[in-house]
C-alpha atoms as a PDB file:
ATOM      1  CA  PRO A   1      -3.859  -0.254 -26.690  1.00  0.00           C
ATOM      2  CA  LEU A   2      -5.169   0.353 -23.194  1.00  0.00           C
ATOM      3  CA  ALA A   3      -3.529   2.913 -20.946  1.00  0.00           C
ATOM      4  CA  ASP A   4      -1.389   1.815 -18.020  1.00  0.00           C
ATOM      5  CA  PRO A   5      -3.043   1.908 -14.604  1.00  0.00           C
ATOM      6  CA  VAL A   6      -2.808   5.125 -12.587  1.00  0.00           C
ATOM      7  CA  LEU A   7      -2.531   4.882  -8.781  1.00  0.00           C
ATOM      8  CA  ILE A   8      -3.696   7.701  -6.471  1.00  0.00           C
ATOM      9  CA  HIS A   9      -2.983   7.591  -2.714  1.00  0.00           C
ATOM     10  CA  CYS A  10      -5.106   8.971   0.126  1.00  0.00           C
ATOM     11  CA  PRO A  11      -4.293  10.434   2.603  1.00  0.00           C
ATOM     12  CA  VAL A  12      -1.049  12.036   1.498  1.00  0.00           C
ATOM     13  CA  VAL A  13       0.165  12.566   5.084  1.00  0.00           C
ATOM     14  CA  SER A  14      -1.089  10.808   8.176  1.00  0.00           C
ATOM     15  CA  LYS A  15      -0.181  11.504  11.823  1.00  0.00           C
ATOM     16  CA  VAL A  16      -2.173   8.902  13.691  1.00  0.00           C
ATOM     17  CA  PRO A  17      -1.634   6.019  16.109  1.00  0.00           C
ATOM     18  CA  GLU A  18      -2.704   3.579  13.386  1.00  0.00           C
ATOM     19  CA  GLY A  19      -2.275   4.030   9.661  1.00  0.00           C
ATOM     20  CA  GLU A  20      -4.826   3.289   6.966  1.00  0.00           C
ATOM     21  CA  PHE A  21      -4.016   4.119   3.389  1.00  0.00           C
ATOM     22  CA  GLN A  22      -6.107   3.895   0.268  1.00  0.00           C
ATOM     23  CA  CYS A  23      -4.685   3.447  -3.199  1.00  0.00           C
ATOM     24  CA  ALA A  24      -7.285   4.083  -5.913  1.00  0.00           C
ATOM     25  CA  MET A  25      -6.601   2.589  -9.329  1.00  0.00           C
ATOM     26  CA  TYR A  26      -7.734   3.892 -12.715  1.00  0.00           C
ATOM     27  CA  ASN A  27      -7.538   2.144 -16.114  1.00  0.00           C
ATOM     28  CA  ALA A  28      -7.536  -1.352 -14.558  1.00  0.00           C
ATOM     29  CA  SER A  29      -9.606  -3.335 -12.064  1.00  0.00           C
ATOM     30  CA  VAL A  30      -8.506  -4.244  -8.518  1.00  0.00           C
ATOM     31  CA  ILE A  31     -10.334  -7.545  -8.996  1.00  0.00           C
ATOM     32  CA  ASP A  32      -7.935  -8.569 -11.780  1.00  0.00           C
ATOM     33  CA  THR A  33      -4.674  -7.055 -10.531  1.00  0.00           C
ATOM     34  CA  ASP A  34      -2.170  -8.139  -7.860  1.00  0.00           C
ATOM     35  CA  VAL A  35      -1.008  -5.382  -5.504  1.00  0.00           C
ATOM     36  CA  HIS A  36       2.303  -4.893  -3.732  1.00  0.00           C
ATOM     37  CA  TRP A  37       2.771  -2.445  -0.845  1.00  0.00           C
ATOM     38  CA  HIS A  38       6.191  -0.952  -0.107  1.00  0.00           C
ATOM     39  CA  TYR A  39       7.629   1.515   2.374  1.00  0.00           C
ATOM     40  CA  GLN A  40      10.639   3.788   2.382  1.00  0.00           C
ATOM     41  CA  ARG A  41      12.192   5.502   5.373  1.00  0.00           C
ATOM     42  CA  PRO A  42      14.187   8.704   4.795  1.00  0.00           C
ATOM     43  CA  GLY A  43      17.654   7.859   3.508  1.00  0.00           C
ATOM     44  CA  SER A  44      16.835   4.165   3.050  1.00  0.00           C
ATOM     45  CA  ASN A  45      15.976   1.872   0.172  1.00  0.00           C
ATOM     46  CA  THR A  46      12.406   0.873  -0.631  1.00  0.00           C
ATOM     47  CA  GLU A  47      11.312  -2.359   1.075  1.00  0.00           C
ATOM     48  CA  TRP A  48       8.168  -4.397   0.581  1.00  0.00           C
ATOM     49  CA  VAL A  49       5.492  -4.774   3.262  1.00  0.00           C
ATOM     50  CA  ILE A  50       2.931  -7.143   1.785  1.00  0.00           C
ATOM     51  CA  ARG A  51       1.809  -8.657  -1.495  1.00  0.00           C
ATOM     52  CA  GLN A  52      -1.807  -9.545  -2.233  1.00  0.00           C
ATOM     53  CA  PHE A  53      -2.454 -11.689  -5.249  1.00  0.00           C
ATOM     54  CA  VAL A  54      -5.728 -11.942  -7.165  1.00  0.00           C
ATOM     55  CA  ASN A  55      -6.178 -15.538  -5.969  1.00  0.00           C
ATOM     56  CA  GLY A  56      -6.166 -14.309  -2.328  1.00  0.00           C
ATOM     57  CA  THR A  57      -2.626 -15.377  -1.457  1.00  0.00           C
ATOM     58  CA  LEU A  58      -0.836 -12.972   0.919  1.00  0.00           C
ATOM     59  CA  THR A  59       2.894 -12.662   1.532  1.00  0.00           C
ATOM     60  CA  LYS A  60       3.951 -10.426   4.440  1.00  0.00           C
ATOM     61  CA  ALA A  61       7.407  -9.086   5.228  1.00  0.00           C
ATOM     62  CA  GLN A  62       9.049 -10.032   8.495  1.00  0.00           C
ATOM     63  CA  GLY A  63       8.104  -7.575  11.224  1.00  0.00           C
ATOM     64  CA  PHE A  64       4.640  -6.902   9.806  1.00  0.00           C
ATOM     65  CA  HIS A  65       2.989 -10.332  10.179  1.00  0.00           C
ATOM     66  CA  ASP A  66       0.429  -9.452  12.873  1.00  0.00           C
ATOM     67  CA  ARG A  67       0.274  -5.716  12.251  1.00  0.00           C
ATOM     68  CA  VAL A  68      -0.598  -5.299   8.591  1.00  0.00           C
ATOM     69  CA  HIS A  69      -3.880  -6.032   6.816  1.00  0.00           C
ATOM     70  CA  VAL A  70      -4.878  -5.489   3.207  1.00  0.00           C
ATOM     71  CA  SER A  71      -8.190  -5.444   1.429  1.00  0.00           C
ATOM     72  CA  ARG A  72      -9.803  -4.387  -1.809  1.00  0.00           C
ATOM     73  CA  ASN A  73     -12.707  -1.950  -2.028  1.00  0.00           C
ATOM     74  CA  VAL A  74     -14.278  -3.056  -5.299  1.00  0.00           C
ATOM     75  CA  SER A  75     -16.897  -0.280  -5.401  1.00  0.00           C
ATOM     76  CA  ARG A  76     -14.137   2.357  -5.199  1.00  0.00           C
ATOM     77  CA  ASN A  77     -11.647   0.290  -7.227  1.00  0.00           C
ATOM     78  CA  SER A  78      -9.136   0.762  -4.413  1.00  0.00           C
ATOM     79  CA  TYR A  79      -6.606  -1.180  -2.391  1.00  0.00           C
ATOM     80  CA  ILE A  80      -6.448  -0.545   1.353  1.00  0.00           C
ATOM     81  CA  LEU A  81      -3.461  -1.042   3.650  1.00  0.00           C
ATOM     82  CA  SER A  82      -4.080  -0.965   7.409  1.00  0.00           C
ATOM     83  CA  LEU A  83      -1.166  -0.878   9.845  1.00  0.00           C
ATOM     84  CA  VAL A  84      -1.917  -1.351  13.551  1.00  0.00           C
ATOM     85  CA  ASN A  85       0.210  -1.017  16.690  1.00  0.00           C
ATOM     86  CA  VAL A  86       2.492   1.414  14.888  1.00  0.00           C
ATOM     87  CA  THR A  87       5.847   2.401  16.338  1.00  0.00           C
ATOM     88  CA  LEU A  88       8.160   5.323  15.605  1.00  0.00           C
ATOM     89  CA  ASN A  89      10.059   2.958  13.317  1.00  0.00           C
ATOM     90  CA  ASP A  90       6.970   2.703  11.066  1.00  0.00           C
ATOM     91  CA  SER A  91       7.288   6.358  10.023  1.00  0.00           C
ATOM     92  CA  ALA A  92       7.832   6.102   6.281  1.00  0.00           C
ATOM     93  CA  LEU A  93       6.373   6.673   2.834  1.00  0.00           C
ATOM     94  CA  TYR A  94       3.975   3.814   1.967  1.00  0.00           C
ATOM     95  CA  ARG A  95       3.278   3.103  -1.707  1.00  0.00           C
ATOM     96  CA  CYS A  96       1.257   0.587  -3.661  1.00  0.00           C
ATOM     97  CA  SER A  97       2.372  -0.865  -6.957  1.00  0.00           C
ATOM     98  CA  VAL A  98       0.883  -2.976  -9.726  1.00  0.00           C
ATOM     99  CA  TRP A  99       2.314  -4.733 -12.774  1.00  0.00           C
ATOM    100  CA  SER A 100       5.763  -4.659 -11.067  1.00  0.00           C
ATOM    101  CA  TYR A 101       6.594  -1.210 -12.435  1.00  0.00           C
ATOM    102  CA  ILE A 102       3.683   1.162 -11.774  1.00  0.00           C
ATOM    103  CA  TYR A 103       3.806   2.930  -8.410  1.00  0.00           C
ATOM    104  CA  GLY A 104       1.559   5.425  -6.689  1.00  0.00           C
ATOM    105  CA  ALA A 105       3.126   8.592  -5.252  1.00  0.00           C
ATOM    106  CA  GLY A 106       2.534   7.244  -1.758  1.00  0.00           C
ATOM    107  CA  SER A 107       1.212   8.260   1.655  1.00  0.00           C
ATOM    108  CA  GLN A 108       3.551   9.500   4.354  1.00  0.00           C
ATOM    109  CA  LEU A 109       3.008   8.074   7.848  1.00  0.00           C
ATOM    110  CA  ASN A 110       4.476  10.188  10.639  1.00  0.00           C
ATOM    111  CA  VAL A 111       4.220   8.427  13.981  1.00  0.00           C
ATOM    112  CA  THR A 112       4.455  10.887  16.859  1.00  0.00           C
END
């Protein structure tokens, strides 16, 4: 049997006016795999930000509609999440997931 995908985030911590996170995947292809992005603020439950399906369909959470963009970098087998016009409330741990149960360790966004 094939191994489960492994997800590696970059950068680990970001202190910038706009956040861009990369989630590299190993043991599976970004072309064939849906991705879900989530965030978690300290002391809060994990919430979803956006879902990108293989067929191109996007579903965005309320509050992120005009501020979040996703893409796939096929040559690096990576998913990319871009968050613009960030506010202090966007400070959180952002994580990608695939197959509904495999999560990357995440990238921390600290808005200052």
